[in-house]
Amino acid sequence: MARDMSDKDILKMELDQLKLEVNTPRTAVSTTAPEIIAFVEEKSAEDPLVKGVPEDKNPFKEKGGCIIT
């Protein structure tokens, strides 16, 4: 896509993108980190990657084995 565009067009796209980004509200990491930690700890009790999936509810459990004779 960029190959078909002139340098002027590319610079205009970059300028438009920067104009959008300059108005994006920013928040300090020190403010948001405790909120993220609290959210993750709250949801970890029901997270199957942390807690595991019961064998009877596991849709990927092998139903039978392969027997080679």
C-alpha atoms as a PDB file:
ATOM      1  CA  MET A   1       0.000   0.000   0.000  1.00  0.00           C
ATOM      2  CA  ALA A   2       2.749   2.459   0.941  1.00  0.00           C
ATOM      3  CA  ARG A   3       4.563   1.738  -2.304  1.00  0.00           C
ATOM      4  CA  ASP A   4       1.677   3.202  -4.311  1.00  0.00           C
ATOM      5  CA  MET A   5       1.594   6.407  -2.256  1.00  0.00           C
ATOM      6  CA  SER A   6       3.754   9.467  -2.611  1.00  0.00           C
ATOM      7  CA  ASP A   7       5.867  10.735   0.254  1.00  0.00           C
ATOM      8  CA  LYS A   8       3.412  13.588   0.697  1.00  0.00           C
ATOM      9  CA  ASP A   9       0.491  11.167   1.074  1.00  0.00           C
ATOM     10  CA  ILE A  10       2.386   9.069   3.601  1.00  0.00           C
ATOM     11  CA  LEU A  11       3.317  12.131   5.657  1.00  0.00           C
ATOM     12  CA  LYS A  12      -0.302  13.309   5.578  1.00  0.00           C
ATOM     13  CA  MET A  13      -1.478   9.925   6.890  1.00  0.00           C
ATOM     14  CA  GLU A  14       1.118  10.052   9.667  1.00  0.00           C
ATOM     15  CA  LEU A  15       0.074  13.593  10.585  1.00  0.00           C
ATOM     16  CA  ASP A  16      -3.602  12.599  10.710  1.00  0.00           C
ATOM     17  CA  GLN A  17      -2.754   9.652  12.953  1.00  0.00           C
ATOM     18  CA  LEU A  18      -0.701  11.835  15.284  1.00  0.00           C
ATOM     19  CA  LYS A  19      -3.558  14.338  15.494  1.00  0.00           C
ATOM     20  CA  LEU A  20      -5.832  11.514  16.657  1.00  0.00           C
ATOM     21  CA  GLU A  21      -3.298  10.220  19.167  1.00  0.00           C
ATOM     22  CA  VAL A  22      -2.571  13.610  20.727  1.00  0.00           C
ATOM     23  CA  ASN A  23      -6.173  13.808  21.975  1.00  0.00           C
ATOM     24  CA  THR A  24      -6.106  10.335  23.535  1.00  0.00           C
ATOM     25  CA  PRO A  25      -6.387  10.627  27.324  1.00  0.00           C
ATOM     26  CA  ARG A  26      -3.361   9.245  29.152  1.00  0.00           C
ATOM     27  CA  THR A  27      -3.242   7.746  32.626  1.00  0.00           C
ATOM     28  CA  ALA A  28      -0.148   7.036  34.672  1.00  0.00           C
ATOM     29  CA  VAL A  29       0.792   3.381  35.047  1.00  0.00           C
ATOM     30  CA  SER A  30       1.085   3.884  38.806  1.00  0.00           C
ATOM     31  CA  THR A  31      -2.631   4.732  38.822  1.00  0.00           C
ATOM     32  CA  THR A  32      -3.878   1.918  36.613  1.00  0.00           C
ATOM     33  CA  ALA A  33      -1.616  -0.912  37.826  1.00  0.00           C
ATOM     34  CA  PRO A  34      -3.433  -1.450  41.158  1.00  0.00           C
ATOM     35  CA  GLU A  35      -6.770  -1.525  39.321  1.00  0.00           C
ATOM     36  CA  ILE A  36      -5.475  -4.132  36.865  1.00  0.00           C
ATOM     37  CA  ILE A  37      -4.015  -6.246  39.670  1.00  0.00           C
ATOM     38  CA  ALA A  38      -7.313  -6.140  41.578  1.00  0.00           C
ATOM     39  CA  PHE A  39      -9.260  -7.102  38.451  1.00  0.00           C
ATOM     40  CA  VAL A  40      -6.968 -10.046  37.662  1.00  0.00           C
ATOM     41  CA  GLU A  41      -7.032 -11.322  41.241  1.00  0.00           C
ATOM     42  CA  GLU A  42     -10.825 -11.031  41.318  1.00  0.00           C
ATOM     43  CA  LYS A  43     -11.245 -13.043  38.106  1.00  0.00           C
ATOM     44  CA  SER A  44      -8.514 -15.619  38.777  1.00  0.00           C
ATOM     45  CA  ALA A  45     -10.821 -17.845  40.850  1.00  0.00           C
ATOM     46  CA  GLU A  46     -12.952 -18.604  37.794  1.00  0.00           C
ATOM     47  CA  ASP A  47     -10.134 -18.617  35.233  1.00  0.00           C
ATOM     48  CA  PRO A  48      -9.762 -22.102  33.710  1.00  0.00           C
ATOM     49  CA  LEU A  49      -6.102 -21.453  32.867  1.00  0.00           C
ATOM     50  CA  VAL A  50      -5.326 -20.835  36.541  1.00  0.00           C
ATOM     51  CA  LYS A  51      -7.832 -23.165  38.201  1.00  0.00           C
ATOM     52  CA  GLY A  52      -8.025 -25.917  35.617  1.00  0.00           C
ATOM     53  CA  VAL A  53     -10.980 -27.519  33.898  1.00  0.00           C
ATOM     54  CA  PRO A  54     -12.844 -30.419  35.540  1.00  0.00           C
ATOM     55  CA  GLU A  55     -12.419 -33.654  33.585  1.00  0.00           C
ATOM     56  CA  ASP A  56     -16.170 -34.069  33.069  1.00  0.00           C
ATOM     57  CA  LYS A  57     -16.477 -30.577  31.514  1.00  0.00           C
ATOM     58  CA  ASN A  58     -13.356 -30.700  29.362  1.00  0.00           C
ATOM     59  CA  PRO A  59     -14.473 -30.709  25.697  1.00  0.00           C
ATOM     60  CA  PHE A  60     -10.955 -31.637  24.562  1.00  0.00           C
ATOM     61  CA  LYS A  61     -10.644 -34.759  26.689  1.00  0.00           C
ATOM     62  CA  GLU A  62      -9.723 -37.807  24.627  1.00  0.00           C
ATOM     63  CA  LYS A  63     -12.672 -40.123  24.372  1.00  0.00           C
ATOM     64  CA  GLY A  64     -10.670 -43.223  23.665  1.00  0.00           C
ATOM     65  CA  GLY A  65      -7.172 -44.335  23.071  1.00  0.00           C
ATOM     66  CA  CYS A  66      -5.508 -45.716  20.008  1.00  0.00           C
ATOM     67  CA  ILE A  67      -4.578 -49.381  20.167  1.00  0.00           C
ATOM     68  CA  ILE A  68      -1.878 -50.641  17.852  1.00  0.00           C
ATOM     69  CA  THR A  69      -1.807 -54.401  17.318  1.00  0.00           C
END
